[in-house]
Amino acid sequence: AAMTRRVGVRVEPLLQATDPRRFHPDVAEPDTGPQALF
């Protein structure tokens, strides 16, 4: 929104994304890993 106002042409928001084929809840059991992960 800020760059659209500044530049004078539309900059459309398009957020980042994920691949549901690899990232979905069935990949592992919850709370079976570390308390916190980075």
ModelCIF file with pLDDT and N, C-alpha, C, O atoms, coordinates in Angstrom:
data_MODEL
#
_entry.id   MODEL 
#
_entity.id                         1 
_entity.type                       polymer 
_entity.pdbx_number_of_molecules   1 
#
_entity_poly.entity_id                      1 
_entity_poly.type                           'polypeptide(L)' 
_entity_poly.nstd_linkage                   no 
_entity_poly.nstd_monomer                   no 
_entity_poly.pdbx_seq_one_letter_code       AAMTRRVGVRVEPLLQATDPRRFHPDVAEPDTGPQALF 
_entity_poly.pdbx_seq_one_letter_code_can   AAMTRRVGVRVEPLLQATDPRRFHPDVAEPDTGPQALF 
_entity_poly.pdbx_strand_id                 A 
#
loop_
_entity_poly_seq.entity_id 
_entity_poly_seq.num 
_entity_poly_seq.mon_id 
_entity_poly_seq.hetero 
1 1  ALA n 
1 2  ALA n 
1 3  MET n 
1 4  THR n 
1 5  ARG n 
1 6  ARG n 
1 7  VAL n 
1 8  GLY n 
1 9  VAL n 
1 10 ARG n 
1 11 VAL n 
1 12 GLU n 
1 13 PRO n 
1 14 LEU n 
1 15 LEU n 
1 16 GLN n 
1 17 ALA n 
1 18 THR n 
1 19 ASP n 
1 20 PRO n 
1 21 ARG n 
1 22 ARG n 
1 23 PHE n 
1 24 HIS n 
1 25 PRO n 
1 26 ASP n 
1 27 VAL n 
1 28 ALA n 
1 29 GLU n 
1 30 PRO n 
1 31 ASP n 
1 32 THR n 
1 33 GLY n 
1 34 PRO n 
1 35 GLN n 
1 36 ALA n 
1 37 LEU n 
1 38 PHE n 
#
_struct_asym.id          A 
_struct_asym.entity_id   1 
#
loop_
_ma_qa_metric.id 
_ma_qa_metric.mode 
_ma_qa_metric.name 
_ma_qa_metric.software_group_id 
_ma_qa_metric.type 
1 global pLDDT . pLDDT 
2 local  pLDDT . pLDDT 
#
_ma_qa_metric_global.metric_id      1 
_ma_qa_metric_global.metric_value   96.50 
_ma_qa_metric_global.model_id       1 
_ma_qa_metric_global.ordinal_id     1 
#
loop_
_ma_qa_metric_local.label_asym_id 
_ma_qa_metric_local.label_comp_id 
_ma_qa_metric_local.label_seq_id 
_ma_qa_metric_local.metric_id 
_ma_qa_metric_local.metric_value 
_ma_qa_metric_local.model_id 
_ma_qa_metric_local.ordinal_id 
A ALA 1  2 96.00 1 1  
A ALA 2  2 96.00 1 2  
A MET 3  2 96.00 1 3  
A THR 4  2 97.00 1 4  
A ARG 5  2 96.00 1 5  
A ARG 6  2 95.00 1 6  
A VAL 7  2 94.00 1 7  
A GLY 8  2 93.00 1 8  
A VAL 9  2 94.00 1 9  
A ARG 10 2 96.00 1 10 
A VAL 11 2 97.00 1 11 
A GLU 12 2 98.00 1 12 
A PRO 13 2 97.00 1 13 
A LEU 14 2 98.00 1 14 
A LEU 15 2 97.00 1 15 
A GLN 16 2 96.00 1 16 
A ALA 17 2 97.00 1 17 
A THR 18 2 97.00 1 18 
A ASP 19 2 97.00 1 19 
A PRO 20 2 97.00 1 20 
A ARG 21 2 96.00 1 21 
A ARG 22 2 95.00 1 22 
A PHE 23 2 97.00 1 23 
A HIS 24 2 98.00 1 24 
A PRO 25 2 98.00 1 25 
A ASP 26 2 98.00 1 26 
A VAL 27 2 97.00 1 27 
A ALA 28 2 98.00 1 28 
A GLU 29 2 97.00 1 29 
A PRO 30 2 97.00 1 30 
A ASP 31 2 96.00 1 31 
A THR 32 2 97.00 1 32 
A GLY 33 2 96.00 1 33 
A PRO 34 2 96.00 1 34 
A GLN 35 2 95.00 1 35 
A ALA 36 2 97.00 1 36 
A LEU 37 2 98.00 1 37 
A PHE 38 2 97.00 1 38 
#
loop_
_atom_site.group_PDB 
_atom_site.id 
_atom_site.type_symbol 
_atom_site.label_atom_id 
_atom_site.label_alt_id 
_atom_site.label_comp_id 
_atom_site.label_asym_id 
_atom_site.label_entity_id 
_atom_site.label_seq_id 
_atom_site.pdbx_PDB_ins_code 
_atom_site.Cartn_x 
_atom_site.Cartn_y 
_atom_site.Cartn_z 
_atom_site.occupancy 
_atom_site.B_iso_or_equiv 
_atom_site.pdbx_formal_charge 
_atom_site.auth_seq_id 
_atom_site.auth_comp_id 
_atom_site.auth_asym_id 
_atom_site.auth_atom_id 
_atom_site.pdbx_PDB_model_num 
ATOM 1   N N  . ALA A 1 1  ? 0.834  -1.209  0.000   1.00 96.00 ? 1  ALA A N  1 
ATOM 2   C CA . ALA A 1 1  ? 0.000  0.000   0.000   1.00 96.00 ? 1  ALA A CA 1 
ATOM 3   C C  . ALA A 1 1  ? 0.863  1.251   0.000   1.00 96.00 ? 1  ALA A C  1 
ATOM 4   O O  . ALA A 1 1  ? 0.570  2.205   -0.721  1.00 96.00 ? 1  ALA A O  1 
ATOM 5   N N  . ALA A 1 2  ? 1.931  1.259   0.805   1.00 96.00 ? 2  ALA A N  1 
ATOM 6   C CA . ALA A 1 2  ? 2.797  2.435   0.892   1.00 96.00 ? 2  ALA A CA 1 
ATOM 7   C C  . ALA A 1 2  ? 3.511  2.689   -0.429  1.00 96.00 ? 2  ALA A C  1 
ATOM 8   O O  . ALA A 1 2  ? 3.609  3.837   -0.861  1.00 96.00 ? 2  ALA A O  1 
ATOM 9   N N  . MET A 1 3  ? 4.016  1.635   -1.084  1.00 96.00 ? 3  MET A N  1 
ATOM 10  C CA . MET A 1 3  ? 4.727  1.811   -2.342  1.00 96.00 ? 3  MET A CA 1 
ATOM 11  C C  . MET A 1 3  ? 3.782  2.175   -3.478  1.00 96.00 ? 3  MET A C  1 
ATOM 12  O O  . MET A 1 3  ? 4.174  2.886   -4.404  1.00 96.00 ? 3  MET A O  1 
ATOM 13  N N  . THR A 1 4  ? 2.557  1.703   -3.420  1.00 97.00 ? 4  THR A N  1 
ATOM 14  C CA . THR A 1 4  ? 1.579  2.109   -4.433  1.00 97.00 ? 4  THR A CA 1 
ATOM 15  C C  . THR A 1 4  ? 1.376  3.621   -4.395  1.00 97.00 ? 4  THR A C  1 
ATOM 16  O O  . THR A 1 4  ? 1.329  4.276   -5.436  1.00 97.00 ? 4  THR A O  1 
ATOM 17  N N  . ARG A 1 5  ? 1.255  4.165   -3.189  1.00 96.00 ? 5  ARG A N  1 
ATOM 18  C CA . ARG A 1 5  ? 1.094  5.618   -3.045  1.00 96.00 ? 5  ARG A CA 1 
ATOM 19  C C  . ARG A 1 5  ? 2.356  6.355   -3.486  1.00 96.00 ? 5  ARG A C  1 
ATOM 20  O O  . ARG A 1 5  ? 2.272  7.404   -4.124  1.00 96.00 ? 5  ARG A O  1 
ATOM 21  N N  . ARG A 1 6  ? 3.510  5.815   -3.150  1.00 95.00 ? 6  ARG A N  1 
ATOM 22  C CA . ARG A 1 6  ? 4.774  6.508   -3.432  1.00 95.00 ? 6  ARG A CA 1 
ATOM 23  C C  . ARG A 1 6  ? 5.146  6.441   -4.907  1.00 95.00 ? 6  ARG A C  1 
ATOM 24  O O  . ARG A 1 6  ? 5.596  7.434   -5.477  1.00 95.00 ? 6  ARG A O  1 
ATOM 25  N N  . VAL A 1 7  ? 4.961  5.282   -5.527  1.00 94.00 ? 7  VAL A N  1 
ATOM 26  C CA . VAL A 1 7  ? 5.429  5.065   -6.895  1.00 94.00 ? 7  VAL A CA 1 
ATOM 27  C C  . VAL A 1 7  ? 4.423  5.579   -7.923  1.00 94.00 ? 7  VAL A C  1 
ATOM 28  O O  . VAL A 1 7  ? 4.800  6.027   -9.006  1.00 94.00 ? 7  VAL A O  1 
ATOM 29  N N  . GLY A 1 8  ? 3.142  5.510   -7.572  1.00 93.00 ? 8  GLY A N  1 
ATOM 30  C CA . GLY A 1 8  ? 2.135  5.943   -8.519  1.00 93.00 ? 8  GLY A CA 1 
ATOM 31  C C  . GLY A 1 8  ? 1.617  4.842   -9.410  1.00 93.00 ? 8  GLY A C  1 
ATOM 32  O O  . GLY A 1 8  ? 0.773  5.095   -10.269 1.00 93.00 ? 8  GLY A O  1 
ATOM 33  N N  . VAL A 1 9  ? 2.100  3.618   -9.232  1.00 94.00 ? 9  VAL A N  1 
ATOM 34  C CA . VAL A 1 9  ? 1.561  2.443   -9.925  1.00 94.00 ? 9  VAL A CA 1 
ATOM 35  C C  . VAL A 1 9  ? 1.234  1.400   -8.867  1.00 94.00 ? 9  VAL A C  1 
ATOM 36  O O  . VAL A 1 9  ? 1.820  1.398   -7.784  1.00 94.00 ? 9  VAL A O  1 
ATOM 37  N N  . ARG A 1 10 ? 0.306  0.523   -9.182  1.00 96.00 ? 10 ARG A N  1 
ATOM 38  C CA . ARG A 1 10 ? -0.150 -0.441  -8.189  1.00 96.00 ? 10 ARG A CA 1 
ATOM 39  C C  . ARG A 1 10 ? 0.914  -1.489  -7.902  1.00 96.00 ? 10 ARG A C  1 
ATOM 40  O O  . ARG A 1 10 ? 1.466  -2.101  -8.817  1.00 96.00 ? 10 ARG A O  1 
ATOM 41  N N  . VAL A 1 11 ? 1.195  -1.685  -6.615  1.00 97.00 ? 11 VAL A N  1 
ATOM 42  C CA . VAL A 1 11 ? 1.982  -2.818  -6.136  1.00 97.00 ? 11 VAL A CA 1 
ATOM 43  C C  . VAL A 1 11 ? 1.003  -3.727  -5.414  1.00 97.00 ? 11 VAL A C  1 
ATOM 44  O O  . VAL A 1 11 ? 0.481  -3.378  -4.356  1.00 97.00 ? 11 VAL A O  1 
ATOM 45  N N  . GLU A 1 12 ? 0.760  -4.881  -5.986  1.00 98.00 ? 12 GLU A N  1 
ATOM 46  C CA . GLU A 1 12 ? -0.277 -5.776  -5.457  1.00 98.00 ? 12 GLU A CA 1 
ATOM 47  C C  . GLU A 1 12 ? 0.277  -6.636  -4.332  1.00 98.00 ? 12 GLU A C  1 
ATOM 48  O O  . GLU A 1 12 ? 1.349  -7.223  -4.480  1.00 98.00 ? 12 GLU A O  1 
ATOM 49  N N  . PRO A 1 13 ? -0.432 -6.725  -3.205  1.00 97.00 ? 13 PRO A N  1 
ATOM 50  C CA . PRO A 1 13 ? 0.038  -7.622  -2.139  1.00 97.00 ? 13 PRO A CA 1 
ATOM 51  C C  . PRO A 1 13 ? -0.098 -9.082  -2.553  1.00 97.00 ? 13 PRO A C  1 
ATOM 52  O O  . PRO A 1 13 ? -1.162 -9.509  -3.003  1.00 97.00 ? 13 PRO A O  1 
ATOM 53  N N  . LEU A 1 14 ? 0.964  -9.836  -2.403  1.00 98.00 ? 14 LEU A N  1 
ATOM 54  C CA . LEU A 1 14 ? 0.992  -11.270 -2.677  1.00 98.00 ? 14 LEU A CA 1 
ATOM 55  C C  . LEU A 1 14 ? 1.907  -11.887 -1.629  1.00 98.00 ? 14 LEU A C  1 
ATOM 56  O O  . LEU A 1 14 ? 3.128  -11.894 -1.781  1.00 98.00 ? 14 LEU A O  1 
ATOM 57  N N  . LEU A 1 15 ? 1.307  -12.403 -0.570  1.00 97.00 ? 15 LEU A N  1 
ATOM 58  C CA . LEU A 1 15 ? 2.083  -12.910 0.556   1.00 97.00 ? 15 LEU A CA 1 
ATOM 59  C C  . LEU A 1 15 ? 2.868  -14.152 0.153   1.00 97.00 ? 15 LEU A C  1 
ATOM 60  O O  . LEU A 1 15 ? 2.621  -14.761 -0.888  1.00 97.00 ? 15 LEU A O  1 
ATOM 61  N N  . GLN A 1 16 ? 3.832  -14.513 1.023   1.00 96.00 ? 16 GLN A N  1 
ATOM 62  C CA . GLN A 1 16 ? 4.594  -15.726 0.753   1.00 96.00 ? 16 GLN A CA 1 
ATOM 63  C C  . GLN A 1 16 ? 3.675  -16.935 0.862   1.00 96.00 ? 16 GLN A C  1 
ATOM 64  O O  . GLN A 1 16 ? 2.483  -16.771 1.120   1.00 96.00 ? 16 GLN A O  1 
ATOM 65  N N  . ALA A 1 17 ? 4.192  -18.131 0.675   1.00 97.00 ? 17 ALA A N  1 
ATOM 66  C CA . ALA A 1 17 ? 3.326  -19.288 0.466   1.00 97.00 ? 17 ALA A CA 1 
ATOM 67  C C  . ALA A 1 17 ? 3.943  -20.552 1.043   1.00 97.00 ? 17 ALA A C  1 
ATOM 68  O O  . ALA A 1 17 ? 5.058  -20.547 1.564   1.00 97.00 ? 17 ALA A O  1 
ATOM 69  N N  . THR A 1 18 ? 3.183  -21.630 0.935   1.00 97.00 ? 18 THR A N  1 
ATOM 70  C CA . THR A 1 18 ? 3.638  -22.932 1.419   1.00 97.00 ? 18 THR A CA 1 
ATOM 71  C C  . THR A 1 18 ? 3.265  -24.016 0.418   1.00 97.00 ? 18 THR A C  1 
ATOM 72  O O  . THR A 1 18 ? 2.428  -23.808 -0.460  1.00 97.00 ? 18 THR A O  1 
ATOM 73  N N  . ASP A 1 19 ? 3.892  -25.163 0.563   1.00 97.00 ? 19 ASP A N  1 
ATOM 74  C CA . ASP A 1 19 ? 3.593  -26.318 -0.286  1.00 97.00 ? 19 ASP A CA 1 
ATOM 75  C C  . ASP A 1 19 ? 2.845  -27.349 0.557   1.00 97.00 ? 19 ASP A C  1 
ATOM 76  O O  . ASP A 1 19 ? 3.469  -28.051 1.354   1.00 97.00 ? 19 ASP A O  1 
ATOM 77  N N  . PRO A 1 20 ? 1.528  -27.456 0.402   1.00 97.00 ? 20 PRO A N  1 
ATOM 78  C CA . PRO A 1 20 ? 0.754  -28.403 1.222   1.00 97.00 ? 20 PRO A CA 1 
ATOM 79  C C  . PRO A 1 20 ? 1.151  -29.858 1.037   1.00 97.00 ? 20 PRO A C  1 
ATOM 80  O O  . PRO A 1 20 ? 0.797  -30.703 1.860   1.00 97.00 ? 20 PRO A O  1 
ATOM 81  N N  . ARG A 1 21 ? 1.878  -30.163 -0.026  1.00 96.00 ? 21 ARG A N  1 
ATOM 82  C CA . ARG A 1 21 ? 2.319  -31.538 -0.229  1.00 96.00 ? 21 ARG A CA 1 
ATOM 83  C C  . ARG A 1 21 ? 3.375  -31.937 0.792   1.00 96.00 ? 21 ARG A C  1 
ATOM 84  O O  . ARG A 1 21 ? 3.495  -33.113 1.136   1.00 96.00 ? 21 ARG A O  1 
ATOM 85  N N  . ARG A 1 22 ? 4.133  -30.972 1.273   1.00 95.00 ? 22 ARG A N  1 
ATOM 86  C CA . ARG A 1 22 ? 5.157  -31.260 2.284   1.00 95.00 ? 22 ARG A CA 1 
ATOM 87  C C  . ARG A 1 22 ? 4.774  -30.774 3.674   1.00 95.00 ? 22 ARG A C  1 
ATOM 88  O O  . ARG A 1 22 ? 5.202  -31.348 4.675   1.00 95.00 ? 22 ARG A O  1 
ATOM 89  N N  . PHE A 1 23 ? 3.972  -29.721 3.739   1.00 97.00 ? 23 PHE A N  1 
ATOM 90  C CA . PHE A 1 23 ? 3.638  -29.132 5.031   1.00 97.00 ? 23 PHE A CA 1 
ATOM 91  C C  . PHE A 1 23 ? 2.148  -29.320 5.316   1.00 97.00 ? 23 PHE A C  1 
ATOM 92  O O  . PHE A 1 23 ? 1.295  -28.585 4.818   1.00 97.00 ? 23 PHE A O  1 
ATOM 93  N N  . HIS A 1 24 ? 1.874  -30.322 6.130   1.00 98.00 ? 24 HIS A N  1 
ATOM 94  C CA . HIS A 1 24 ? 0.504  -30.631 6.530   1.00 98.00 ? 24 HIS A CA 1 
ATOM 95  C C  . HIS A 1 24 ? 0.567  -31.384 7.866   1.00 98.00 ? 24 HIS A C  1 
ATOM 96  O O  . HIS A 1 24 ? 1.617  -31.930 8.207   1.00 98.00 ? 24 HIS A O  1 
ATOM 97  N N  . PRO A 1 25 ? -0.517 -31.423 8.616   1.00 98.00 ? 25 PRO A N  1 
ATOM 98  C CA . PRO A 1 25 ? -0.466 -31.984 9.975   1.00 98.00 ? 25 PRO A CA 1 
ATOM 99  C C  . PRO A 1 25 ? -0.157 -33.470 10.051  1.00 98.00 ? 25 PRO A C  1 
ATOM 100 O O  . PRO A 1 25 ? 0.229  -33.952 11.116  1.00 98.00 ? 25 PRO A O  1 
ATOM 101 N N  . ASP A 1 26 ? -0.311 -34.215 8.961   1.00 98.00 ? 26 ASP A N  1 
ATOM 102 C CA . ASP A 1 26 ? -0.084 -35.653 9.010   1.00 98.00 ? 26 ASP A CA 1 
ATOM 103 C C  . ASP A 1 26 ? 1.392  -36.030 8.946   1.00 98.00 ? 26 ASP A C  1 
ATOM 104 O O  . ASP A 1 26 ? 1.718  -37.216 8.995   1.00 98.00 ? 26 ASP A O  1 
ATOM 105 N N  . VAL A 1 27 ? 2.285  -35.062 8.838   1.00 97.00 ? 27 VAL A N  1 
ATOM 106 C CA . VAL A 1 27 ? 3.713  -35.387 8.691   1.00 97.00 ? 27 VAL A CA 1 
ATOM 107 C C  . VAL A 1 27 ? 4.333  -35.897 9.983   1.00 97.00 ? 27 VAL A C  1 
ATOM 108 O O  . VAL A 1 27 ? 5.379  -36.544 9.940   1.00 97.00 ? 27 VAL A O  1 
ATOM 109 N N  . ALA A 1 28 ? 3.712  -35.623 11.143  1.00 98.00 ? 28 ALA A N  1 
ATOM 110 C CA . ALA A 1 28 ? 4.272  -36.069 12.424  1.00 98.00 ? 28 ALA A CA 1 
ATOM 111 C C  . ALA A 1 28 ? 3.206  -35.950 13.507  1.00 98.00 ? 28 ALA A C  1 
ATOM 112 O O  . ALA A 1 28 ? 2.167  -35.318 13.316  1.00 98.00 ? 28 ALA A O  1 
ATOM 113 N N  . GLU A 1 29 ? 3.485  -36.566 14.634  1.00 97.00 ? 29 GLU A N  1 
ATOM 114 C CA . GLU A 1 29 ? 2.609  -36.444 15.800  1.00 97.00 ? 29 GLU A CA 1 
ATOM 115 C C  . GLU A 1 29 ? 2.992  -35.190 16.580  1.00 97.00 ? 29 GLU A C  1 
ATOM 116 O O  . GLU A 1 29 ? 4.178  -34.951 16.811  1.00 97.00 ? 29 GLU A O  1 
ATOM 117 N N  . PRO A 1 30 ? 2.010  -34.383 16.991  1.00 97.00 ? 30 PRO A N  1 
ATOM 118 C CA . PRO A 1 30 ? 2.343  -33.162 17.744  1.00 97.00 ? 30 PRO A CA 1 
ATOM 119 C C  . PRO A 1 30 ? 2.933  -33.480 19.115  1.00 97.00 ? 30 PRO A C  1 
ATOM 120 O O  . PRO A 1 30 ? 2.625  -34.503 19.725  1.00 97.00 ? 30 PRO A O  1 
ATOM 121 N N  . ASP A 1 31 ? 3.786  -32.575 19.577  1.00 96.00 ? 31 ASP A N  1 
ATOM 122 C CA . ASP A 1 31 ? 4.375  -32.640 20.924  1.00 96.00 ? 31 ASP A CA 1 
ATOM 123 C C  . ASP A 1 31 ? 5.225  -33.883 21.155  1.00 96.00 ? 31 ASP A C  1 
ATOM 124 O O  . ASP A 1 31 ? 5.328  -34.362 22.284  1.00 96.00 ? 31 ASP A O  1 
ATOM 125 N N  . THR A 1 32 ? 5.828  -34.405 20.105  1.00 97.00 ? 32 THR A N  1 
ATOM 126 C CA . THR A 1 32 ? 6.754  -35.525 20.245  1.00 97.00 ? 32 THR A CA 1 
ATOM 127 C C  . THR A 1 32 ? 8.198  -35.082 20.059  1.00 97.00 ? 32 THR A C  1 
ATOM 128 O O  . THR A 1 32 ? 9.115  -35.899 20.146  1.00 97.00 ? 32 THR A O  1 
ATOM 129 N N  . GLY A 1 33 ? 8.407  -33.791 19.804  1.00 96.00 ? 33 GLY A N  1 
ATOM 130 C CA . GLY A 1 33 ? 9.739  -33.262 19.588  1.00 96.00 ? 33 GLY A CA 1 
ATOM 131 C C  . GLY A 1 33 ? 10.185 -32.382 20.754  1.00 96.00 ? 33 GLY A C  1 
ATOM 132 O O  . GLY A 1 33 ? 9.702  -32.541 21.875  1.00 96.00 ? 33 GLY A O  1 
ATOM 133 N N  . PRO A 1 34 ? 11.098 -31.462 20.494  1.00 96.00 ? 34 PRO A N  1 
ATOM 134 C CA . PRO A 1 34 ? 11.618 -30.598 21.550  1.00 96.00 ? 34 PRO A CA 1 
ATOM 135 C C  . PRO A 1 34 ? 10.564 -29.614 22.053  1.00 96.00 ? 34 PRO A C  1 
ATOM 136 O O  . PRO A 1 34 ? 9.565  -29.354 21.382  1.00 96.00 ? 34 PRO A O  1 
ATOM 137 N N  . GLN A 1 35 ? 10.809 -29.069 23.258  1.00 95.00 ? 35 GLN A N  1 
ATOM 138 C CA . GLN A 1 35 ? 9.908  -28.050 23.789  1.00 95.00 ? 35 GLN A CA 1 
ATOM 139 C C  . GLN A 1 35 ? 9.813  -26.863 22.851  1.00 95.00 ? 35 GLN A C  1 
ATOM 140 O O  . GLN A 1 35 ? 8.728  -26.332 22.617  1.00 95.00 ? 35 GLN A O  1 
ATOM 141 N N  . ALA A 1 36 ? 10.960 -26.445 22.308  1.00 97.00 ? 36 ALA A N  1 
ATOM 142 C CA . ALA A 1 36 ? 11.009 -25.314 21.378  1.00 97.00 ? 36 ALA A CA 1 
ATOM 143 C C  . ALA A 1 36 ? 12.045 -25.610 20.304  1.00 97.00 ? 36 ALA A C  1 
ATOM 144 O O  . ALA A 1 36 ? 13.064 -26.249 20.568  1.00 97.00 ? 36 ALA A O  1 
ATOM 145 N N  . LEU A 1 37 ? 11.771 -25.135 19.079  1.00 98.00 ? 37 LEU A N  1 
ATOM 146 C CA . LEU A 1 37 ? 12.641 -25.394 17.936  1.00 98.00 ? 37 LEU A CA 1 
ATOM 147 C C  . LEU A 1 37 ? 12.904 -24.086 17.201  1.00 98.00 ? 37 LEU A C  1 
ATOM 148 O O  . LEU A 1 37 ? 12.004 -23.267 17.022  1.00 98.00 ? 37 LEU A O  1 
ATOM 149 N N  . PHE A 1 38 ? 14.150 -23.906 16.780  1.00 97.00 ? 38 PHE A N  1 
ATOM 150 C CA . PHE A 1 38 ? 14.489 -22.790 15.897  1.00 97.00 ? 38 PHE A CA 1 
ATOM 151 C C  . PHE A 1 38 ? 15.294 -23.345 14.737  1.00 97.00 ? 38 PHE A C  1 
ATOM 152 O O  . PHE A 1 38 ? 15.700 -22.593 13.851  1.00 97.00 ? 38 PHE A O  1 
#
